[in-house]
Amino acid sequence: MSISEPLVLVPGLLCTAELWLPQVDALGDIADIRVADHTAHDTMVDTAADILNTAPDRFALAGLSMGGYVSLEIMRQAPERVTRLALLDTSARADTPEQVKRRSDFIKLSEMGKFHGVTETLLPILIHEARLGDEALVATIYRMAQTVGQAGFVRQQRAIMSRSDSRDLLGQISCPALVLCGRQDQLTPLDLHREMAAGIPGSELVVLEDCGHLSTLERPDQVNAAMRDWLTGEGKTPA
């Protein structure tokens, strides 16, 4: 892979480019990396289209959590432009009614002036329990949420709720694909990643031990190694 080939990274809900900082630092020697803005629209279709409008003609694509939902919508809209796909701590499924209600409740909470409480509530299921005392990691999570802000959070939640079920799309993905998750991911459990890996022809499943939902920050060295293999390895080219 030439350094001139771009890599587009899409963060998760309430996350900024800081989510990918370890990967930007570690993989810059083999990729021209840019982090997409996924905060401007309240539908998944528009969020993906906006990223495509500013992306290069051809690019590798990686998304974590909400970023994975966006990445799958990009694959739906323009699969011929994506040279490689990495789905981290995410799901191909649409929200269940219970998940929609939880997101709606978080929106109401944030609109009542309790936006800070959203992150506080989510924190125990965002990272491995052993990392809850990691002050630097926790500070990063709060800082990212503050940067996204209440209005951006509401748009993101509405976009997530609007997304399509992408399980029917998985079998059509023909570029080299990496599926990665923390074994202790509570938000998008391992079985959802096994489902995606089984559905995408020739994909690789990587499971990180002692790791929760925010794998790029919790286990950066292991994520970096997996993504380097994904970026430099031999694989099929898009149809």
C-alpha atoms as a PDB file:
ATOM      1  CA  MET A   1       0.000   0.000   0.000  1.00  0.00           C
ATOM      2  CA  SER A   2       1.371   3.363  -1.031  1.00  0.00           C
ATOM      3  CA  ILE A   3       1.473   6.247   1.418  1.00  0.00           C
ATOM      4  CA  SER A   4      -0.497   8.212  -1.167  1.00  0.00           C
ATOM      5  CA  GLU A   5      -3.552   5.974  -0.676  1.00  0.00           C
ATOM      6  CA  PRO A   6      -5.934   7.652   1.780  1.00  0.00           C
ATOM      7  CA  LEU A   7      -7.583   6.176   4.851  1.00  0.00           C
ATOM      8  CA  VAL A   8     -10.828   7.702   6.149  1.00  0.00           C
ATOM      9  CA  LEU A   9     -11.621   7.092   9.832  1.00  0.00           C
ATOM     10  CA  VAL A  10     -15.107   7.632  11.236  1.00  0.00           C
ATOM     11  CA  PRO A  11     -15.504   8.103  15.012  1.00  0.00           C
ATOM     12  CA  GLY A  12     -18.287   6.797  17.228  1.00  0.00           C
ATOM     13  CA  LEU A  13     -21.144   8.522  19.009  1.00  0.00           C
ATOM     14  CA  LEU A  14     -19.917  11.407  21.180  1.00  0.00           C
ATOM     15  CA  CYS A  15     -16.403  10.843  19.856  1.00  0.00           C
ATOM     16  CA  THR A  16     -14.027  13.073  17.922  1.00  0.00           C
ATOM     17  CA  ALA A  17     -10.741  12.579  16.097  1.00  0.00           C
ATOM     18  CA  GLU A  18      -9.179  11.857  19.506  1.00  0.00           C
ATOM     19  CA  LEU A  19     -10.744   8.399  19.314  1.00  0.00           C
ATOM     20  CA  TRP A  20      -8.357   7.611  16.456  1.00  0.00           C
ATOM     21  CA  LEU A  21      -5.288   9.523  17.632  1.00  0.00           C
ATOM     22  CA  PRO A  22      -3.247   6.360  18.433  1.00  0.00           C
ATOM     23  CA  GLN A  23      -3.945   5.042  14.936  1.00  0.00           C
ATOM     24  CA  VAL A  24      -3.178   8.362  13.235  1.00  0.00           C
ATOM     25  CA  ASP A  25       0.169   8.421  15.039  1.00  0.00           C
ATOM     26  CA  ALA A  26       1.015   4.769  14.371  1.00  0.00           C
ATOM     27  CA  LEU A  27      -0.197   4.310  10.794  1.00  0.00           C
ATOM     28  CA  GLY A  28       0.779   7.593   9.207  1.00  0.00           C
ATOM     29  CA  ASP A  29       3.791   5.955   7.581  1.00  0.00           C
ATOM     30  CA  ILE A  30       1.585   3.769   5.373  1.00  0.00           C
ATOM     31  CA  ALA A  31      -1.567   5.840   4.929  1.00  0.00           C
ATOM     32  CA  ASP A  32      -2.716   9.382   4.253  1.00  0.00           C
ATOM     33  CA  ILE A  33      -5.195   9.601   7.131  1.00  0.00           C
ATOM     34  CA  ARG A  34      -8.155  11.881   7.615  1.00  0.00           C
ATOM     35  CA  VAL A  35     -10.898  11.731  10.249  1.00  0.00           C
ATOM     36  CA  ALA A  36     -14.428  12.365   9.002  1.00  0.00           C
ATOM     37  CA  ASP A  37     -16.949  14.752  10.532  1.00  0.00           C
ATOM     38  CA  HIS A  38     -20.090  12.797  11.459  1.00  0.00           C
ATOM     39  CA  THR A  39     -21.894  15.445  13.485  1.00  0.00           C
ATOM     40  CA  ALA A  40     -23.577  17.673  10.897  1.00  0.00           C
ATOM     41  CA  HIS A  41     -26.652  15.657   9.864  1.00  0.00           C
ATOM     42  CA  ASP A  42     -29.522  13.861  11.549  1.00  0.00           C
ATOM     43  CA  THR A  43     -29.951  11.013   9.048  1.00  0.00           C
ATOM     44  CA  MET A  44     -27.515   8.224   8.300  1.00  0.00           C
ATOM     45  CA  VAL A  45     -28.014   8.639   4.554  1.00  0.00           C
ATOM     46  CA  ASP A  46     -27.016  12.315   4.674  1.00  0.00           C
ATOM     47  CA  THR A  47     -24.120  11.685   7.055  1.00  0.00           C
ATOM     48  CA  ALA A  48     -22.615   9.110   4.700  1.00  0.00           C
ATOM     49  CA  ALA A  49     -23.254  11.241   1.609  1.00  0.00           C
ATOM     50  CA  ASP A  50     -21.553  14.230   3.230  1.00  0.00           C
ATOM     51  CA  ILE A  51     -18.443  12.173   4.003  1.00  0.00           C
ATOM     52  CA  LEU A  52     -18.408  10.827   0.451  1.00  0.00           C
ATOM     53  CA  ASN A  53     -18.622  14.375  -0.918  1.00  0.00           C
ATOM     54  CA  THR A  54     -15.333  15.310   0.755  1.00  0.00           C
ATOM     55  CA  ALA A  55     -13.542  11.953   0.499  1.00  0.00           C
ATOM     56  CA  PRO A  56     -11.022  11.028  -2.197  1.00  0.00           C
ATOM     57  CA  ASP A  57     -12.166   9.060  -5.216  1.00  0.00           C
ATOM     58  CA  ARG A  58     -10.820   5.832  -3.679  1.00  0.00           C
ATOM     59  CA  PHE A  59     -10.015   5.223  -0.020  1.00  0.00           C
ATOM     60  CA  ALA A  60      -9.727   2.677   2.753  1.00  0.00           C
ATOM     61  CA  LEU A  61     -12.463   3.106   5.356  1.00  0.00           C
ATOM     62  CA  ALA A  62     -12.649   2.314   9.071  1.00  0.00           C
ATOM     63  CA  GLY A  63     -15.404   3.096  11.551  1.00  0.00           C
ATOM     64  CA  LEU A  64     -15.979   2.394  15.229  1.00  0.00           C
ATOM     65  CA  SER A  65     -19.471   2.081  16.747  1.00  0.00           C
ATOM     66  CA  MET A  66     -21.549   4.812  15.055  1.00  0.00           C
ATOM     67  CA  GLY A  67     -18.622   5.096  12.655  1.00  0.00           C
ATOM     68  CA  GLY A  68     -19.285   1.504  11.657  1.00  0.00           C
ATOM     69  CA  TYR A  69     -22.924   2.305  10.934  1.00  0.00           C
ATOM     70  CA  VAL A  70     -21.790   5.221   8.770  1.00  0.00           C
ATOM     71  CA  SER A  71     -19.226   3.019   7.028  1.00  0.00           C
ATOM     72  CA  LEU A  72     -21.862   0.438   6.128  1.00  0.00           C
ATOM     73  CA  GLU A  73     -24.077   3.190   4.699  1.00  0.00           C
ATOM     74  CA  ILE A  74     -21.089   4.396   2.660  1.00  0.00           C
ATOM     75  CA  MET A  75     -20.733   0.837   1.363  1.00  0.00           C
ATOM     76  CA  ARG A  76     -24.400   0.936   0.416  1.00  0.00           C
ATOM     77  CA  GLN A  77     -24.028   4.226  -1.466  1.00  0.00           C
ATOM     78  CA  ALA A  78     -20.595   3.898  -3.097  1.00  0.00           C
ATOM     79  CA  PRO A  79     -18.963   0.473  -2.637  1.00  0.00           C
ATOM     80  CA  GLU A  80     -16.786   0.987  -5.710  1.00  0.00           C
ATOM     81  CA  ARG A  81     -14.909   3.796  -3.955  1.00  0.00           C
ATOM     82  CA  VAL A  82     -13.873   1.785  -0.872  1.00  0.00           C
ATOM     83  CA  THR A  83     -10.666  -0.231  -1.248  1.00  0.00           C
ATOM     84  CA  ARG A  84     -10.688  -1.759   2.255  1.00  0.00           C
ATOM     85  CA  LEU A  85     -13.210  -1.803   5.093  1.00  0.00           C
ATOM     86  CA  ALA A  86     -12.668  -2.098   8.862  1.00  0.00           C
ATOM     87  CA  LEU A  87     -15.629  -2.364  11.240  1.00  0.00           C
ATOM     88  CA  LEU A  88     -14.717  -1.914  14.902  1.00  0.00           C
ATOM     89  CA  ASP A  89     -17.037  -2.427  17.884  1.00  0.00           C
ATOM     90  CA  THR A  90     -20.195  -1.965  15.849  1.00  0.00           C
ATOM     91  CA  SER A  91     -23.152  -3.838  14.374  1.00  0.00           C
ATOM     92  CA  ALA A  92     -24.827  -4.443  11.036  1.00  0.00           C
ATOM     93  CA  ARG A  93     -28.251  -4.522  12.653  1.00  0.00           C
ATOM     94  CA  ALA A  94     -30.756  -1.689  12.975  1.00  0.00           C
ATOM     95  CA  ASP A  95     -31.827  -0.541  16.427  1.00  0.00           C
ATOM     96  CA  THR A  96     -34.281  -2.642  18.380  1.00  0.00           C
ATOM     97  CA  PRO A  97     -37.330  -0.867  19.856  1.00  0.00           C
ATOM     98  CA  GLU A  98     -35.560  -0.955  23.230  1.00  0.00           C
ATOM     99  CA  GLN A  99     -32.481   0.742  21.770  1.00  0.00           C
ATOM    100  CA  VAL A 100     -34.618   3.399  20.084  1.00  0.00           C
ATOM    101  CA  LYS A 101     -36.303   4.147  23.409  1.00  0.00           C
ATOM    102  CA  ARG A 102     -32.965   4.405  25.194  1.00  0.00           C
ATOM    103  CA  ARG A 103     -31.647   6.815  22.564  1.00  0.00           C
ATOM    104  CA  SER A 104     -34.834   8.874  22.785  1.00  0.00           C
ATOM    105  CA  ASP A 105     -34.488   9.001  26.569  1.00  0.00           C
ATOM    106  CA  PHE A 106     -30.886  10.209  26.233  1.00  0.00           C
ATOM    107  CA  ILE A 107     -32.036  12.933  23.835  1.00  0.00           C
ATOM    108  CA  LYS A 108     -34.674  14.061  26.338  1.00  0.00           C
ATOM    109  CA  LEU A 109     -32.090  14.012  29.135  1.00  0.00           C
ATOM    110  CA  SER A 110     -29.727  16.189  27.116  1.00  0.00           C
ATOM    111  CA  GLU A 111     -32.519  18.602  26.198  1.00  0.00           C
ATOM    112  CA  MET A 112     -33.328  18.998  29.899  1.00  0.00           C
ATOM    113  CA  GLY A 113     -29.878  20.467  30.446  1.00  0.00           C
ATOM    114  CA  LYS A 114     -28.354  17.216  31.671  1.00  0.00           C
ATOM    115  CA  PHE A 115     -26.064  16.521  28.724  1.00  0.00           C
ATOM    116  CA  HIS A 116     -23.094  15.826  31.011  1.00  0.00           C
ATOM    117  CA  GLY A 117     -25.154  13.073  32.628  1.00  0.00           C
ATOM    118  CA  VAL A 118     -25.368  11.182  29.335  1.00  0.00           C
ATOM    119  CA  THR A 119     -21.630  10.468  29.313  1.00  0.00           C
ATOM    120  CA  GLU A 120     -21.659   9.720  33.013  1.00  0.00           C
ATOM    121  CA  THR A 121     -24.388   7.121  32.466  1.00  0.00           C
ATOM    122  CA  LEU A 122     -22.709   5.576  29.427  1.00  0.00           C
ATOM    123  CA  LEU A 123     -19.182   5.431  30.833  1.00  0.00           C
ATOM    124  CA  PRO A 124     -19.455   2.045  32.637  1.00  0.00           C
ATOM    125  CA  ILE A 125     -20.536   0.352  29.408  1.00  0.00           C
ATOM    126  CA  LEU A 126     -18.144   2.232  27.123  1.00  0.00           C
ATOM    127  CA  ILE A 127     -14.896   0.835  28.539  1.00  0.00           C
ATOM    128  CA  HIS A 128     -13.684  -2.271  30.355  1.00  0.00           C
ATOM    129  CA  GLU A 129     -14.422  -2.129  34.076  1.00  0.00           C
ATOM    130  CA  ALA A 130     -10.705  -2.283  34.850  1.00  0.00           C
ATOM    131  CA  ARG A 131     -10.214   1.011  32.977  1.00  0.00           C
ATOM    132  CA  LEU A 132     -12.809   3.045  34.858  1.00  0.00           C
ATOM    133  CA  GLY A 133     -10.028   4.264  37.164  1.00  0.00           C
ATOM    134  CA  ASP A 134      -7.830   5.349  34.243  1.00  0.00           C
ATOM    135  CA  GLU A 135      -8.076   9.102  34.691  1.00  0.00           C
ATOM    136  CA  ALA A 136      -6.487   9.974  31.350  1.00  0.00           C
ATOM    137  CA  LEU A 137      -8.821   7.671  29.391  1.00  0.00           C
ATOM    138  CA  VAL A 138     -11.915   8.876  31.247  1.00  0.00           C
ATOM    139  CA  ALA A 139     -10.884  12.505  30.734  1.00  0.00           C
ATOM    140  CA  THR A 140     -10.518  11.864  27.000  1.00  0.00           C
ATOM    141  CA  ILE A 141     -14.039  10.424  26.832  1.00  0.00           C
ATOM    142  CA  TYR A 142     -15.533  13.439  28.608  1.00  0.00           C
ATOM    143  CA  ARG A 143     -13.495  15.857  26.497  1.00  0.00           C
ATOM    144  CA  MET A 144     -14.681  14.261  23.253  1.00  0.00           C
ATOM    145  CA  ALA A 145     -18.310  14.416  24.391  1.00  0.00           C
ATOM    146  CA  GLN A 146     -17.966  18.070  25.322  1.00  0.00           C
ATOM    147  CA  THR A 147     -16.522  18.836  21.891  1.00  0.00           C
ATOM    148  CA  VAL A 148     -19.396  17.096  20.084  1.00  0.00           C
ATOM    149  CA  GLY A 149     -21.823  19.026  22.284  1.00  0.00           C
ATOM    150  CA  GLN A 150     -25.504  18.623  22.992  1.00  0.00           C
ATOM    151  CA  ALA A 151     -26.768  19.620  19.550  1.00  0.00           C
ATOM    152  CA  GLY A 152     -24.266  17.372  17.785  1.00  0.00           C
ATOM    153  CA  PHE A 153     -25.198  14.495  20.079  1.00  0.00           C
ATOM    154  CA  VAL A 154     -28.889  14.860  19.249  1.00  0.00           C
ATOM    155  CA  ARG A 155     -28.150  14.859  15.511  1.00  0.00           C
ATOM    156  CA  GLN A 156     -25.965  11.777  15.912  1.00  0.00           C
ATOM    157  CA  GLN A 157     -28.603   9.868  17.876  1.00  0.00           C
ATOM    158  CA  ARG A 158     -31.289  10.689  15.324  1.00  0.00           C
ATOM    159  CA  ALA A 159     -28.995   9.615  12.504  1.00  0.00           C
ATOM    160  CA  ILE A 160     -28.285   6.312  14.256  1.00  0.00           C
ATOM    161  CA  MET A 161     -31.995   5.656  14.771  1.00  0.00           C
ATOM    162  CA  SER A 162     -32.607   6.320  11.066  1.00  0.00           C
ATOM    163  CA  ARG A 163     -30.114   3.748   9.809  1.00  0.00           C
ATOM    164  CA  SER A 164     -31.032   0.705   7.747  1.00  0.00           C
ATOM    165  CA  ASP A 165     -30.400  -2.871   8.740  1.00  0.00           C
ATOM    166  CA  SER A 166     -27.215  -3.707   6.818  1.00  0.00           C
ATOM    167  CA  ARG A 167     -27.121  -7.478   7.192  1.00  0.00           C
ATOM    168  CA  ASP A 168     -28.374  -7.826   3.626  1.00  0.00           C
ATOM    169  CA  LEU A 169     -25.386  -5.758   2.481  1.00  0.00           C
ATOM    170  CA  LEU A 170     -22.654  -7.889   4.059  1.00  0.00           C
ATOM    171  CA  GLY A 171     -22.531 -10.565   1.351  1.00  0.00           C
ATOM    172  CA  GLN A 172     -22.007  -7.884  -1.309  1.00  0.00           C
ATOM    173  CA  ILE A 173     -18.838  -6.497   0.290  1.00  0.00           C
ATOM    174  CA  SER A 174     -15.947  -7.621  -1.884  1.00  0.00           C
ATOM    175  CA  CYS A 175     -13.011  -5.565  -0.594  1.00  0.00           C
ATOM    176  CA  PRO A 176     -10.629  -6.839   2.134  1.00  0.00           C
ATOM    177  CA  ALA A 177     -12.487  -6.470   5.437  1.00  0.00           C
ATOM    178  CA  LEU A 178     -11.468  -6.459   9.088  1.00  0.00           C
ATOM    179  CA  VAL A 179     -14.004  -6.968  11.878  1.00  0.00           C
ATOM    180  CA  LEU A 180     -12.612  -6.152  15.332  1.00  0.00           C
ATOM    181  CA  CYS A 181     -14.029  -5.863  18.832  1.00  0.00           C
ATOM    182  CA  GLY A 182     -13.202  -6.039  22.509  1.00  0.00           C
ATOM    183  CA  ARG A 183     -14.313  -9.295  24.055  1.00  0.00           C
ATOM    184  CA  GLN A 184     -15.986  -7.367  26.880  1.00  0.00           C
ATOM    185  CA  ASP A 185     -17.766  -4.884  24.596  1.00  0.00           C
ATOM    186  CA  GLN A 186     -21.151  -4.414  26.280  1.00  0.00           C
ATOM    187  CA  LEU A 187     -22.722  -2.097  23.704  1.00  0.00           C
ATOM    188  CA  THR A 188     -22.005  -4.215  20.622  1.00  0.00           C
ATOM    189  CA  PRO A 189     -21.181  -7.725  21.891  1.00  0.00           C
ATOM    190  CA  LEU A 190     -18.926 -10.279  20.249  1.00  0.00           C
ATOM    191  CA  ASP A 191     -21.800 -12.234  18.679  1.00  0.00           C
ATOM    192  CA  LEU A 192     -22.681  -9.212  16.526  1.00  0.00           C
ATOM    193  CA  HIS A 193     -19.116  -9.197  15.185  1.00  0.00           C
ATOM    194  CA  ARG A 194     -19.176 -12.922  14.517  1.00  0.00           C
ATOM    195  CA  GLU A 195     -22.343 -12.271  12.520  1.00  0.00           C
ATOM    196  CA  MET A 196     -20.667  -9.564  10.443  1.00  0.00           C
ATOM    197  CA  ALA A 197     -17.504 -11.598   9.882  1.00  0.00           C
ATOM    198  CA  ALA A 198     -19.553 -14.605   8.792  1.00  0.00           C
ATOM    199  CA  GLY A 199     -21.546 -12.438   6.395  1.00  0.00           C
ATOM    200  CA  ILE A 200     -18.624 -10.655   4.691  1.00  0.00           C
ATOM    201  CA  PRO A 201     -16.777 -13.017   2.319  1.00  0.00           C
ATOM    202  CA  GLY A 202     -13.118 -13.488   3.266  1.00  0.00           C
ATOM    203  CA  SER A 203     -13.211 -11.101   6.210  1.00  0.00           C
ATOM    204  CA  GLU A 204     -10.981 -11.418   9.275  1.00  0.00           C
ATOM    205  CA  LEU A 205     -12.326 -11.346  12.826  1.00  0.00           C
ATOM    206  CA  VAL A 206     -10.016 -10.013  15.557  1.00  0.00           C
ATOM    207  CA  VAL A 207     -11.077 -10.172  19.212  1.00  0.00           C
ATOM    208  CA  LEU A 208      -9.136  -8.200  21.823  1.00  0.00           C
ATOM    209  CA  GLU A 209      -8.985  -9.549  25.361  1.00  0.00           C
ATOM    210  CA  ASP A 210      -9.709  -7.376  28.406  1.00  0.00           C
ATOM    211  CA  CYS A 211     -11.197  -4.682  26.198  1.00  0.00           C
ATOM    212  CA  GLY A 212     -14.526  -2.902  26.084  1.00  0.00           C
ATOM    213  CA  HIS A 213     -16.256  -0.802  23.426  1.00  0.00           C
ATOM    214  CA  LEU A 214     -13.632   1.890  22.777  1.00  0.00           C
ATOM    215  CA  SER A 215     -10.934  -0.467  21.540  1.00  0.00           C
ATOM    216  CA  THR A 216      -8.866   2.169  19.720  1.00  0.00           C
ATOM    217  CA  LEU A 217      -8.178   3.915  23.029  1.00  0.00           C
ATOM    218  CA  GLU A 218      -8.273   0.929  25.361  1.00  0.00           C
ATOM    219  CA  ARG A 219      -5.936  -1.353  23.376  1.00  0.00           C
ATOM    220  CA  PRO A 220      -4.260   0.953  20.851  1.00  0.00           C
ATOM    221  CA  ASP A 221      -1.200  -1.210  20.194  1.00  0.00           C
ATOM    222  CA  GLN A 222      -3.307  -4.236  19.326  1.00  0.00           C
ATOM    223  CA  VAL A 223      -5.689  -2.207  17.176  1.00  0.00           C
ATOM    224  CA  ASN A 224      -2.728  -0.614  15.411  1.00  0.00           C
ATOM    225  CA  ALA A 225      -1.227  -4.045  14.666  1.00  0.00           C
ATOM    226  CA  ALA A 226      -4.517  -5.399  13.312  1.00  0.00           C
ATOM    227  CA  MET A 227      -5.109  -2.335  11.159  1.00  0.00           C
ATOM    228  CA  ARG A 228      -1.557  -2.398   9.829  1.00  0.00           C
ATOM    229  CA  ASP A 229      -2.037  -6.000   8.730  1.00  0.00           C
ATOM    230  CA  TRP A 230      -5.371  -5.054   7.179  1.00  0.00           C
ATOM    231  CA  LEU A 231      -3.867  -2.104   5.312  1.00  0.00           C
ATOM    232  CA  THR A 232      -0.775  -3.880   4.020  1.00  0.00           C
ATOM    233  CA  GLY A 233      -2.061  -7.431   3.554  1.00  0.00           C
ATOM    234  CA  GLU A 234      -2.983  -9.076   0.300  1.00  0.00           C
ATOM    235  CA  GLY A 235      -6.703  -9.235  -0.407  1.00  0.00           C
ATOM    236  CA  LYS A 236      -9.413  -9.035  -2.982  1.00  0.00           C
ATOM    237  CA  THR A 237     -10.016  -5.812  -4.849  1.00  0.00           C
ATOM    238  CA  PRO A 238     -13.473  -4.268  -5.087  1.00  0.00           C
ATOM    239  CA  ALA A 239     -15.722  -5.626  -7.796  1.00  0.00           C
END
